[in-house]
Amino acid sequence: MALPYIIGSGLSALLGGITYRYYSHEKTELDESPINYSMIDSKMKEIVVSSNISPPLGVTFREKCTSIIKICNEMCGMKCSYDNSKRTRKKFGKYIKEYERIGIEGFIINHKKK
């Protein structure tokens, strides 16, 4: 009685392993070095744009805020803190949207202390 279940589970494990190896094979990437190029905005200001993919900030709002605080403090020279007030949440929401829209390099250029 148990023999068909043993054979069936063994066969499904074998097929699952083959399928896993097929879908998770190592992808070889070509030599893709990031491309940096300059653009001029409507105010005749030069903007450096890169093809690099920015690292993700996190999943939750709190993780994203922590990442933005770290970027602001270390790379931009701004002193940021999170005190969970409505004003601060709106400010960090704006920063997060900007980071996700233009990437880390553009974010740093826009918020670098002079």
PDB file of N, CA and C in Angstrom:
ATOM      1  N   MET A   1       0.803  -1.194   0.000  1.00  0.00           N
ATOM      2  CA  MET A   1       0.000   0.000   0.000  1.00  0.00           C
ATOM      3  C   MET A   1       0.853   1.268   0.000  1.00  0.00           C
ATOM      4  N   ALA A   2       1.932   1.276   0.712  1.00  0.00           N
ATOM      5  CA  ALA A   2       2.747   2.483   0.838  1.00  0.00           C
ATOM      6  C   ALA A   2       3.698   2.646  -0.341  1.00  0.00           C
ATOM      7  N   LEU A   3       3.883   1.598  -1.135  1.00  0.00           N
ATOM      8  CA  LEU A   3       4.829   1.644  -2.243  1.00  0.00           C
ATOM      9  C   LEU A   3       4.475   2.715  -3.288  1.00  0.00           C
ATOM     10  N   PRO A   4       3.220   2.870  -3.715  1.00  0.00           N
ATOM     11  CA  PRO A   4       2.927   3.937  -4.688  1.00  0.00           C
ATOM     12  C   PRO A   4       3.221   5.337  -4.135  1.00  0.00           C
ATOM     13  N   TYR A   5       2.979   5.558  -2.852  1.00  0.00           N
ATOM     14  CA  TYR A   5       3.272   6.867  -2.258  1.00  0.00           C
ATOM     15  C   TYR A   5       4.772   7.138  -2.229  1.00  0.00           C
ATOM     16  N   ILE A   6       5.556   6.120  -1.927  1.00  0.00           N
ATOM     17  CA  ILE A   6       7.006   6.272  -1.904  1.00  0.00           C
ATOM     18  C   ILE A   6       7.529   6.576  -3.299  1.00  0.00           C
ATOM     19  N   ILE A   7       7.049   5.839  -4.281  1.00  0.00           N
ATOM     20  CA  ILE A   7       7.482   6.056  -5.659  1.00  0.00           C
ATOM     21  C   ILE A   7       7.041   7.448  -6.143  1.00  0.00           C
ATOM     22  N   GLY A   8       5.808   7.819  -5.834  1.00  0.00           N
ATOM     23  CA  GLY A   8       5.286   9.125  -6.252  1.00  0.00           C
ATOM     24  C   GLY A   8       6.046  10.275  -5.625  1.00  0.00           C
ATOM     25  N   SER A   9       6.350  10.162  -4.337  1.00  0.00           N
ATOM     26  CA  SER A   9       7.079  11.251  -3.682  1.00  0.00           C
ATOM     27  C   SER A   9       8.518  11.324  -4.181  1.00  0.00           C
ATOM     28  N   GLY A  10       9.139  10.193  -4.451  1.00  0.00           N
ATOM     29  CA  GLY A  10      10.491  10.180  -4.997  1.00  0.00           C
ATOM     30  C   GLY A  10      10.539  10.793  -6.387  1.00  0.00           C
ATOM     31  N   LEU A  11       9.541  10.458  -7.201  1.00  0.00           N
ATOM     32  CA  LEU A  11       9.473  11.008  -8.548  1.00  0.00           C
ATOM     33  C   LEU A  11       9.225  12.517  -8.526  1.00  0.00           C
ATOM     34  N   SER A  12       8.344  12.962  -7.634  1.00  0.00           N
ATOM     35  CA  SER A  12       8.078  14.396  -7.557  1.00  0.00           C
ATOM     36  C   SER A  12       9.305  15.152  -7.023  1.00  0.00           C
ATOM     37  N   ALA A  13      10.048  14.564  -6.104  1.00  0.00           N
ATOM     38  CA  ALA A  13      11.271  15.201  -5.609  1.00  0.00           C
ATOM     39  C   ALA A  13      12.309  15.295  -6.716  1.00  0.00           C
ATOM     40  N   LEU A  14      12.419  14.268  -7.535  1.00  0.00           N
ATOM     41  CA  LEU A  14      13.355  14.263  -8.644  1.00  0.00           C
ATOM     42  C   LEU A  14      12.986  15.332  -9.668  1.00  0.00           C
ATOM     43  N   LEU A  15      11.716  15.405 -10.028  1.00  0.00           N
ATOM     44  CA  LEU A  15      11.263  16.417 -10.976  1.00  0.00           C
ATOM     45  C   LEU A  15      11.405  17.823 -10.395  1.00  0.00           C
ATOM     46  N   GLY A  16      11.149  17.982  -9.105  1.00  0.00           N
ATOM     47  CA  GLY A  16      11.312  19.279  -8.469  1.00  0.00           C
ATOM     48  C   GLY A  16      12.764  19.734  -8.488  1.00  0.00           C
ATOM     49  N   GLY A  17      13.691  18.814  -8.259  1.00  0.00           N
ATOM     50  CA  GLY A  17      15.117  19.153  -8.300  1.00  0.00           C
ATOM     51  C   GLY A  17      15.559  19.560  -9.692  1.00  0.00           C
ATOM     52  N   ILE A  18      15.075  18.847 -10.702  1.00  0.00           N
ATOM     53  CA  ILE A  18      15.418  19.187 -12.084  1.00  0.00           C
ATOM     54  C   ILE A  18      14.854  20.558 -12.445  1.00  0.00           C
ATOM     55  N   THR A  19      13.602  20.797 -12.058  1.00  0.00           N
ATOM     56  CA  THR A  19      12.973  22.083 -12.352  1.00  0.00           C
ATOM     57  C   THR A  19      13.693  23.213 -11.639  1.00  0.00           C
ATOM     58  N   TYR A  20      14.084  23.001 -10.391  1.00  0.00           N
ATOM     59  CA  TYR A  20      14.792  24.035  -9.628  1.00  0.00           C
ATOM     60  C   TYR A  20      16.115  24.385 -10.300  1.00  0.00           C
ATOM     61  N   ARG A  21      16.873  23.370 -10.721  1.00  0.00           N
ATOM     62  CA  ARG A  21      18.151  23.621 -11.386  1.00  0.00           C
ATOM     63  C   ARG A  21      17.956  24.331 -12.714  1.00  0.00           C
ATOM     64  N   TYR A  22      16.857  24.027 -13.416  1.00  0.00           N
ATOM     65  CA  TYR A  22      16.587  24.664 -14.705  1.00  0.00           C
ATOM     66  C   TYR A  22      16.294  26.146 -14.529  1.00  0.00           C
ATOM     67  N   TYR A  23      15.490  26.504 -13.533  1.00  0.00           N
ATOM     68  CA  TYR A  23      15.096  27.890 -13.354  1.00  0.00           C
ATOM     69  C   TYR A  23      16.088  28.726 -12.552  1.00  0.00           C
ATOM     70  N   SER A  24      16.959  28.094 -11.793  1.00  0.00           N
ATOM     71  CA  SER A  24      17.886  28.870 -10.969  1.00  0.00           C
ATOM     72  C   SER A  24      19.328  28.708 -11.414  1.00  0.00           C
ATOM     73  N   HIS A  25      19.540  28.483 -12.690  1.00  0.00           N
ATOM     74  CA  HIS A  25      20.910  28.344 -13.163  1.00  0.00           C
ATOM     75  C   HIS A  25      21.622  29.682 -13.093  1.00  0.00           C
ATOM     76  N   GLU A  26      22.921  29.637 -12.978  1.00  0.00           N
ATOM     77  CA  GLU A  26      23.744  30.835 -12.854  1.00  0.00           C
ATOM     78  C   GLU A  26      23.724  31.584 -14.169  1.00  0.00           C
ATOM     79  N   LYS A  27      23.342  32.829 -14.121  1.00  0.00           N
ATOM     80  CA  LYS A  27      23.295  33.644 -15.323  1.00  0.00           C
ATOM     81  C   LYS A  27      24.652  34.307 -15.516  1.00  0.00           C
ATOM     82  N   THR A  28      25.192  34.136 -16.689  1.00  0.00           N
ATOM     83  CA  THR A  28      26.474  34.770 -16.975  1.00  0.00           C
ATOM     84  C   THR A  28      26.190  36.164 -17.514  1.00  0.00           C
ATOM     85  N   GLU A  29      26.806  37.129 -16.897  1.00  0.00           N
ATOM     86  CA  GLU A  29      26.606  38.503 -17.319  1.00  0.00           C
ATOM     87  C   GLU A  29      27.756  38.928 -18.219  1.00  0.00           C
ATOM     88  N   LEU A  30      27.412  39.661 -19.219  1.00  0.00           N
ATOM     89  CA  LEU A  30      28.434  40.209 -20.090  1.00  0.00           C
ATOM     90  C   LEU A  30      29.147  41.335 -19.350  1.00  0.00           C
ATOM     91  N   ASP A  31      30.218  41.767 -19.910  1.00  0.00           N
ATOM     92  CA  ASP A  31      30.974  42.849 -19.285  1.00  0.00           C
ATOM     93  C   ASP A  31      30.168  44.136 -19.393  1.00  0.00           C
ATOM     94  N   GLU A  32      29.329  44.365 -18.398  1.00  0.00           N
ATOM     95  CA  GLU A  32      28.490  45.552 -18.399  1.00  0.00           C
ATOM     96  C   GLU A  32      29.024  46.537 -17.369  1.00  0.00           C
ATOM     97  N   SER A  33      29.854  47.414 -17.824  1.00  0.00           N
ATOM     98  CA  SER A  33      30.327  48.458 -16.926  1.00  0.00           C
ATOM     99  C   SER A  33      29.302  49.588 -16.956  1.00  0.00           C
ATOM    100  N   PRO A  34      29.130  50.277 -15.850  1.00  0.00           N
ATOM    101  CA  PRO A  34      28.119  51.342 -15.816  1.00  0.00           C
ATOM    102  C   PRO A  34      28.470  52.473 -16.784  1.00  0.00           C
ATOM    103  N   ILE A  35      27.442  53.011 -17.367  1.00  0.00           N
ATOM    104  CA  ILE A  35      27.619  54.111 -18.315  1.00  0.00           C
ATOM    105  C   ILE A  35      27.208  55.403 -17.622  1.00  0.00           C
ATOM    106  N   ASN A  36      28.109  56.338 -17.546  1.00  0.00           N
ATOM    107  CA  ASN A  36      27.826  57.661 -16.985  1.00  0.00           C
ATOM    108  C   ASN A  36      27.757  58.660 -18.126  1.00  0.00           C
ATOM    109  N   TYR A  37      26.721  59.459 -18.140  1.00  0.00           N
ATOM    110  CA  TYR A  37      26.589  60.480 -19.160  1.00  0.00           C
ATOM    111  C   TYR A  37      25.941  61.718 -18.556  1.00  0.00           C
ATOM    112  N   SER A  38      26.108  62.838 -19.222  1.00  0.00           N
ATOM    113  CA  SER A  38      25.615  64.112 -18.721  1.00  0.00           C
ATOM    114  C   SER A  38      24.363  64.534 -19.479  1.00  0.00           C
ATOM    115  N   MET A  39      23.458  65.162 -18.755  1.00  0.00           N
ATOM    116  CA  MET A  39      22.253  65.728 -19.345  1.00  0.00           C
ATOM    117  C   MET A  39      22.119  67.155 -18.841  1.00  0.00           C
ATOM    118  N   ILE A  40      21.404  67.959 -19.571  1.00  0.00           N
ATOM    119  CA  ILE A  40      21.162  69.346 -19.161  1.00  0.00           C
ATOM    120  C   ILE A  40      19.674  69.495 -18.908  1.00  0.00           C
ATOM    121  N   ASP A  41      19.316  69.996 -17.712  1.00  0.00           N
ATOM    122  CA  ASP A  41      17.903  70.147 -17.380  1.00  0.00           C
ATOM    123  C   ASP A  41      17.369  71.474 -17.910  1.00  0.00           C
ATOM    124  N   SER A  42      16.118  71.773 -17.585  1.00  0.00           N
ATOM    125  CA  SER A  42      15.467  72.973 -18.117  1.00  0.00           C
ATOM    126  C   SER A  42      16.083  74.269 -17.588  1.00  0.00           C
ATOM    127  N   LYS A  43      16.791  74.196 -16.475  1.00  0.00           N
ATOM    128  CA  LYS A  43      17.446  75.382 -15.915  1.00  0.00           C
ATOM    129  C   LYS A  43      18.897  75.502 -16.373  1.00  0.00           C
ATOM    130  N   MET A  44      19.243  74.739 -17.412  1.00  0.00           N
ATOM    131  CA  MET A  44      20.596  74.736 -17.983  1.00  0.00           C
ATOM    132  C   MET A  44      21.641  74.312 -16.965  1.00  0.00           C
ATOM    133  N   LYS A  45      21.269  73.366 -16.110  1.00  0.00           N
ATOM    134  CA  LYS A  45      22.179  72.830 -15.115  1.00  0.00           C
ATOM    135  C   LYS A  45      22.560  71.417 -15.545  1.00  0.00           C
ATOM    136  N   GLU A  46      23.837  71.071 -15.432  1.00  0.00           N
ATOM    137  CA  GLU A  46      24.297  69.766 -15.867  1.00  0.00           C
ATOM    138  C   GLU A  46      23.959  68.712 -14.808  1.00  0.00           C
ATOM    139  N   ILE A  47      23.414  67.601 -15.272  1.00  0.00           N
ATOM    140  CA  ILE A  47      23.056  66.491 -14.392  1.00  0.00           C
ATOM    141  C   ILE A  47      23.821  65.262 -14.863  1.00  0.00           C
ATOM    142  N   VAL A  48      24.491  64.573 -13.951  1.00  0.00           N
ATOM    143  CA  VAL A  48      25.196  63.349 -14.282  1.00  0.00           C
ATOM    144  C   VAL A  48      24.234  62.189 -14.057  1.00  0.00           C
ATOM    145  N   VAL A  49      24.045  61.372 -15.088  1.00  0.00           N
ATOM    146  CA  VAL A  49      23.135  60.237 -15.024  1.00  0.00           C
ATOM    147  C   VAL A  49      23.959  58.977 -15.217  1.00  0.00           C
ATOM    148  N   SER A  50      23.628  57.941 -14.472  1.00  0.00           N
ATOM    149  CA  SER A  50      24.372  56.690 -14.543  1.00  0.00           C
ATOM    150  C   SER A  50      23.412  55.532 -14.807  1.00  0.00           C
ATOM    151  N   SER A  51      23.943  54.484 -15.406  1.00  0.00           N
ATOM    152  CA  SER A  51      23.135  53.304 -15.655  1.00  0.00           C
ATOM    153  C   SER A  51      23.204  52.312 -14.497  1.00  0.00           C
ATOM    154  N   ASN A  52      23.883  52.676 -13.420  1.00  0.00           N
ATOM    155  CA  ASN A  52      23.933  51.813 -12.241  1.00  0.00           C
ATOM    156  C   ASN A  52      22.551  51.666 -11.632  1.00  0.00           C
ATOM    157  N   ILE A  53      22.281  50.505 -11.098  1.00  0.00           N
ATOM    158  CA  ILE A  53      21.034  50.290 -10.371  1.00  0.00           C
ATOM    159  C   ILE A  53      21.303  50.623  -8.914  1.00  0.00           C
ATOM    160  N   SER A  54      20.503  51.512  -8.359  1.00  0.00           N
ATOM    161  CA  SER A  54      20.685  51.916  -6.962  1.00  0.00           C
ATOM    162  C   SER A  54      20.278  50.779  -6.033  1.00  0.00           C
ATOM    163  N   PRO A  55      20.972  50.620  -4.910  1.00  0.00           N
ATOM    164  CA  PRO A  55      20.591  49.577  -3.970  1.00  0.00           C
ATOM    165  C   PRO A  55      19.228  49.878  -3.356  1.00  0.00           C
ATOM    166  N   PRO A  56      18.422  48.841  -3.116  1.00  0.00           N
ATOM    167  CA  PRO A  56      17.097  49.084  -2.535  1.00  0.00           C
ATOM    168  C   PRO A  56      17.214  49.593  -1.103  1.00  0.00           C
ATOM    169  N   LEU A  57      16.260  50.408  -0.699  1.00  0.00           N
ATOM    170  CA  LEU A  57      16.275  50.981   0.646  1.00  0.00           C
ATOM    171  C   LEU A  57      15.781  49.997   1.690  1.00  0.00           C
ATOM    172  N   GLY A  58      14.831  49.192   1.361  1.00  0.00           N
ATOM    173  CA  GLY A  58      14.239  48.259   2.303  1.00  0.00           C
ATOM    174  C   GLY A  58      12.811  47.959   1.900  1.00  0.00           C
ATOM    175  N   VAL A  59      12.104  47.247   2.760  1.00  0.00           N
ATOM    176  CA  VAL A  59      10.729  46.858   2.458  1.00  0.00           C
ATOM    177  C   VAL A  59       9.736  47.747   3.195  1.00  0.00           C
ATOM    178  N   THR A  60       9.940  47.904   4.483  1.00  0.00           N
ATOM    179  CA  THR A  60       9.004  48.695   5.276  1.00  0.00           C
ATOM    180  C   THR A  60       9.412  50.168   5.265  1.00  0.00           C
ATOM    181  N   PHE A  61       8.482  51.019   5.668  1.00  0.00           N
ATOM    182  CA  PHE A  61       8.758  52.457   5.719  1.00  0.00           C
ATOM    183  C   PHE A  61       9.879  52.749   6.711  1.00  0.00           C
ATOM    184  N   ARG A  62       9.897  52.051   7.817  1.00  0.00           N
ATOM    185  CA  ARG A  62      10.931  52.264   8.835  1.00  0.00           C
ATOM    186  C   ARG A  62      12.314  51.898   8.306  1.00  0.00           C
ATOM    187  N   GLU A  63      12.417  50.764   7.563  1.00  0.00           N
ATOM    188  CA  GLU A  63      13.695  50.370   6.979  1.00  0.00           C
ATOM    189  C   GLU A  63      14.164  51.393   5.948  1.00  0.00           C
ATOM    190  N   LYS A  64      13.211  51.886   5.151  1.00  0.00           N
ATOM    191  CA  LYS A  64      13.560  52.891   4.149  1.00  0.00           C
ATOM    192  C   LYS A  64      14.032  54.173   4.812  1.00  0.00           C
ATOM    193  N   CYS A  65      13.363  54.578   5.901  1.00  0.00           N
ATOM    194  CA  CYS A  65      13.779  55.780   6.624  1.00  0.00           C
ATOM    195  C   CYS A  65      15.168  55.611   7.217  1.00  0.00           C
ATOM    196  N   THR A  66      15.451  54.439   7.764  1.00  0.00           N
ATOM    197  CA  THR A  66      16.772  54.175   8.335  1.00  0.00           C
ATOM    198  C   THR A  66      17.848  54.268   7.255  1.00  0.00           C
ATOM    199  N   SER A  67      17.560  53.729   6.075  1.00  0.00           N
ATOM    200  CA  SER A  67      18.532  53.790   4.980  1.00  0.00           C
ATOM    201  C   SER A  67      18.739  55.218   4.501  1.00  0.00           C
ATOM    202  N   ILE A  68      17.656  55.989   4.391  1.00  0.00           N
ATOM    203  CA  ILE A  68      17.770  57.382   3.971  1.00  0.00           C
ATOM    204  C   ILE A  68      18.558  58.196   4.997  1.00  0.00           C
ATOM    205  N   ILE A  69      18.317  57.951   6.292  1.00  0.00           N
ATOM    206  CA  ILE A  69      19.066  58.647   7.348  1.00  0.00           C
ATOM    207  C   ILE A  69      20.556  58.340   7.222  1.00  0.00           C
ATOM    208  N   LYS A  70      20.880  57.071   6.965  1.00  0.00           N
ATOM    209  CA  LYS A  70      22.279  56.674   6.823  1.00  0.00           C
ATOM    210  C   LYS A  70      22.922  57.364   5.613  1.00  0.00           C
ATOM    211  N   ILE A  71      22.202  57.411   4.493  1.00  0.00           N
ATOM    212  CA  ILE A  71      22.730  58.071   3.297  1.00  0.00           C
ATOM    213  C   ILE A  71      22.912  59.560   3.553  1.00  0.00           C
ATOM    214  N   CYS A  72      21.915  60.188   4.178  1.00  0.00           N
ATOM    215  CA  CYS A  72      22.003  61.631   4.449  1.00  0.00           C
ATOM    216  C   CYS A  72      23.164  61.955   5.376  1.00  0.00           C
ATOM    217  N   ASN A  73      23.327  61.182   6.441  1.00  0.00           N
ATOM    218  CA  ASN A  73      24.381  61.458   7.412  1.00  0.00           C
ATOM    219  C   ASN A  73      25.773  61.185   6.865  1.00  0.00           C
ATOM    220  N   GLU A  74      25.949  60.058   6.145  1.00  0.00           N
ATOM    221  CA  GLU A  74      27.285  59.657   5.719  1.00  0.00           C
ATOM    222  C   GLU A  74      27.718  60.279   4.398  1.00  0.00           C
ATOM    223  N   MET A  75      26.814  60.331   3.426  1.00  0.00           N
ATOM    224  CA  MET A  75      27.224  60.751   2.090  1.00  0.00           C
ATOM    225  C   MET A  75      26.877  62.199   1.767  1.00  0.00           C
ATOM    226  N   CYS A  76      25.781  62.691   2.309  1.00  0.00           N
ATOM    227  CA  CYS A  76      25.348  64.054   1.969  1.00  0.00           C
ATOM    228  C   CYS A  76      25.835  65.091   2.970  1.00  0.00           C
ATOM    229  N   GLY A  77      26.172  64.679   4.169  1.00  0.00           N
ATOM    230  CA  GLY A  77      26.604  65.622   5.190  1.00  0.00           C
ATOM    231  C   GLY A  77      25.459  66.292   5.912  1.00  0.00           C
ATOM    232  N   MET A  78      24.235  65.836   5.710  1.00  0.00           N
ATOM    233  CA  MET A  78      23.074  66.390   6.412  1.00  0.00           C
ATOM    234  C   MET A  78      22.887  65.639   7.725  1.00  0.00           C
ATOM    235  N   LYS A  79      22.402  66.310   8.721  1.00  0.00           N
ATOM    236  CA  LYS A  79      22.088  65.658   9.993  1.00  0.00           C
ATOM    237  C   LYS A  79      20.588  65.370  10.016  1.00  0.00           C
ATOM    238  N   CYS A  80      20.225  64.122   9.898  1.00  0.00           N
ATOM    239  CA  CYS A  80      18.821  63.714   9.868  1.00  0.00           C
ATOM    240  C   CYS A  80      18.528  62.819  11.063  1.00  0.00           C
ATOM    241  N   SER A  81      17.339  62.934  11.578  1.00  0.00           N
ATOM    242  CA  SER A  81      16.865  62.020  12.612  1.00  0.00           C
ATOM    243  C   SER A  81      15.377  61.794  12.393  1.00  0.00           C
ATOM    244  N   TYR A  82      14.866  60.723  12.951  1.00  0.00           N
ATOM    245  CA  TYR A  82      13.464  60.349  12.755  1.00  0.00           C
ATOM    246  C   TYR A  82      12.773  60.407  14.105  1.00  0.00           C
ATOM    247  N   ASP A  83      11.786  61.299  14.248  1.00  0.00           N
ATOM    248  CA  ASP A  83      11.086  61.415  15.530  1.00  0.00           C
ATOM    249  C   ASP A  83       9.610  61.035  15.442  1.00  0.00           C
ATOM    250  N   ASN A  84       9.168  60.461  14.328  1.00  0.00           N
ATOM    251  CA  ASN A  84       7.827  59.912  14.133  1.00  0.00           C
ATOM    252  C   ASN A  84       6.729  60.973  14.214  1.00  0.00           C
ATOM    253  N   SER A  85       7.052  62.207  13.885  1.00  0.00           N
ATOM    254  CA  SER A  85       6.011  63.231  13.800  1.00  0.00           C
ATOM    255  C   SER A  85       5.491  63.262  12.363  1.00  0.00           C
ATOM    256  N   LYS A  86       4.340  63.883  12.179  1.00  0.00           N
ATOM    257  CA  LYS A  86       3.735  63.927  10.854  1.00  0.00           C
ATOM    258  C   LYS A  86       4.642  64.656   9.857  1.00  0.00           C
ATOM    259  N   ARG A  87       5.242  65.733  10.299  1.00  0.00           N
ATOM    260  CA  ARG A  87       6.126  66.517   9.443  1.00  0.00           C
ATOM    261  C   ARG A  87       7.350  65.696   9.001  1.00  0.00           C
ATOM    262  N   THR A  88       7.927  64.962   9.932  1.00  0.00           N
ATOM    263  CA  THR A  88       9.100  64.147   9.615  1.00  0.00           C
ATOM    264  C   THR A  88       8.736  63.008   8.676  1.00  0.00           C
ATOM    265  N   ARG A  89       7.581  62.374   8.901  1.00  0.00           N
ATOM    266  CA  ARG A  89       7.150  61.288   8.015  1.00  0.00           C
ATOM    267  C   ARG A  89       6.943  61.790   6.593  1.00  0.00           C
ATOM    268  N   LYS A  90       6.359  62.974   6.448  1.00  0.00           N
ATOM    269  CA  LYS A  90       6.155  63.542   5.117  1.00  0.00           C
ATOM    270  C   LYS A  90       7.486  63.859   4.451  1.00  0.00           C
ATOM    271  N   LYS A  91       8.439  64.393   5.223  1.00  0.00           N
ATOM    272  CA  LYS A  91       9.752  64.732   4.682  1.00  0.00           C
ATOM    273  C   LYS A  91      10.471  63.472   4.202  1.00  0.00           C
ATOM    274  N   PHE A  92      10.446  62.413   5.026  1.00  0.00           N
ATOM    275  CA  PHE A  92      11.115  61.182   4.627  1.00  0.00           C
ATOM    276  C   PHE A  92      10.377  60.484   3.494  1.00  0.00           C
ATOM    277  N   GLY A  93       9.053  60.602   3.441  1.00  0.00           N
ATOM    278  CA  GLY A  93       8.310  60.067   2.308  1.00  0.00           C
ATOM    279  C   GLY A  93       8.733  60.738   1.010  1.00  0.00           C
ATOM    280  N   LYS A  94       8.943  62.052   1.068  1.00  0.00           N
ATOM    281  CA  LYS A  94       9.414  62.803  -0.100  1.00  0.00           C
ATOM    282  C   LYS A  94      10.823  62.358  -0.491  1.00  0.00           C
ATOM    283  N   TYR A  95      11.698  62.188   0.498  1.00  0.00           N
ATOM    284  CA  TYR A  95      13.061  61.730   0.217  1.00  0.00           C
ATOM    285  C   TYR A  95      13.060  60.330  -0.403  1.00  0.00           C
ATOM    286  N   ILE A  96      12.221  59.437   0.110  1.00  0.00           N
ATOM    287  CA  ILE A  96      12.164  58.064  -0.398  1.00  0.00           C
ATOM    288  C   ILE A  96      11.689  58.053  -1.848  1.00  0.00           C
ATOM    289  N   LYS A  97      10.648  58.823  -2.151  1.00  0.00           N
ATOM    290  CA  LYS A  97      10.153  58.884  -3.532  1.00  0.00           C
ATOM    291  C   LYS A  97      11.224  59.442  -4.466  1.00  0.00           C
ATOM    292  N   GLU A  98      11.937  60.467  -4.007  1.00  0.00           N
ATOM    293  CA  GLU A  98      12.988  61.051  -4.826  1.00  0.00           C
ATOM    294  C   GLU A  98      14.111  60.050  -5.072  1.00  0.00           C
ATOM    295  N   TYR A  99      14.511  59.315  -4.034  1.00  0.00           N
ATOM    296  CA  TYR A  99      15.570  58.310  -4.165  1.00  0.00           C
ATOM    297  C   TYR A  99      15.150  57.232  -5.159  1.00  0.00           C
ATOM    298  N   GLU A 100      13.911  56.756  -5.049  1.00  0.00           N
ATOM    299  CA  GLU A 100      13.444  55.698  -5.941  1.00  0.00           C
ATOM    300  C   GLU A 100      13.287  56.197  -7.369  1.00  0.00           C
ATOM    301  N   ARG A 101      13.060  57.485  -7.546  1.00  0.00           N
ATOM    302  CA  ARG A 101      12.865  58.044  -8.888  1.00  0.00           C
ATOM    303  C   ARG A 101      14.199  58.321  -9.580  1.00  0.00           C
ATOM    304  N   ILE A 102      15.152  58.947  -8.883  1.00  0.00           N
ATOM    305  CA  ILE A 102      16.386  59.364  -9.555  1.00  0.00           C
ATOM    306  C   ILE A 102      17.618  58.553  -9.158  1.00  0.00           C
ATOM    307  N   GLY A 103      17.538  57.709  -8.152  1.00  0.00           N
ATOM    308  CA  GLY A 103      18.676  56.882  -7.771  1.00  0.00           C
ATOM    309  C   GLY A 103      19.581  57.551  -6.756  1.00  0.00           C
ATOM    310  N   ILE A 104      20.575  56.797  -6.313  1.00  0.00           N
ATOM    311  CA  ILE A 104      21.432  57.256  -5.222  1.00  0.00           C
ATOM    312  C   ILE A 104      22.342  58.412  -5.656  1.00  0.00           C
ATOM    313  N   GLU A 105      22.855  58.341  -6.882  1.00  0.00           N
ATOM    314  CA  GLU A 105      23.797  59.391  -7.308  1.00  0.00           C
ATOM    315  C   GLU A 105      23.090  60.736  -7.450  1.00  0.00           C
ATOM    316  N   GLY A 106      21.920  60.742  -8.055  1.00  0.00           N
ATOM    317  CA  GLY A 106      21.156  61.977  -8.182  1.00  0.00           C
ATOM    318  C   GLY A 106      20.708  62.510  -6.843  1.00  0.00           C
ATOM    319  N   PHE A 107      20.332  61.597  -5.928  1.00  0.00           N
ATOM    320  CA  PHE A 107      19.914  61.994  -4.595  1.00  0.00           C
ATOM    321  C   PHE A 107      21.055  62.677  -3.859  1.00  0.00           C
ATOM    322  N   ILE A 108      22.243  62.115  -3.947  1.00  0.00           N
ATOM    323  CA  ILE A 108      23.397  62.695  -3.267  1.00  0.00           C
ATOM    324  C   ILE A 108      23.743  64.058  -3.867  1.00  0.00           C
ATOM    325  N   ILE A 109      23.677  64.173  -5.187  1.00  0.00           N
ATOM    326  CA  ILE A 109      23.975  65.466  -5.823  1.00  0.00           C
ATOM    327  C   ILE A 109      22.971  66.528  -5.384  1.00  0.00           C
ATOM    328  N   ASN A 110      21.684  66.173  -5.291  1.00  0.00           N
ATOM    329  CA  ASN A 110      20.653  67.143  -4.908  1.00  0.00           C
ATOM    330  C   ASN A 110      20.735  67.569  -3.440  1.00  0.00           C
ATOM    331  N   HIS A 111      21.217  66.685  -2.569  1.00  0.00           N
ATOM    332  CA  HIS A 111      21.176  66.967  -1.122  1.00  0.00           C
ATOM    333  C   HIS A 111      22.546  67.115  -0.491  1.00  0.00           C
ATOM    334  N   LYS A 112      23.598  67.215  -1.291  1.00  0.00           N
ATOM    335  CA  LYS A 112      24.939  67.373  -0.747  1.00  0.00           C
ATOM    336  C   LYS A 112      25.081  68.744  -0.094  1.00  0.00           C
ATOM    337  N   LYS A 113      25.625  68.757   1.131  1.00  0.00           N
ATOM    338  CA  LYS A 113      25.877  70.023   1.819  1.00  0.00           C
ATOM    339  C   LYS A 113      26.982  70.754   1.101  1.00  0.00           C
ATOM    340  N   LYS A 114      26.799  72.027   0.905  1.00  0.00           N
ATOM    341  CA  LYS A 114      27.795  72.812   0.167  1.00  0.00           C
ATOM    342  C   LYS A 114      28.808  73.433   1.069  1.00  0.00           C
TER     343      LYS A 114
END
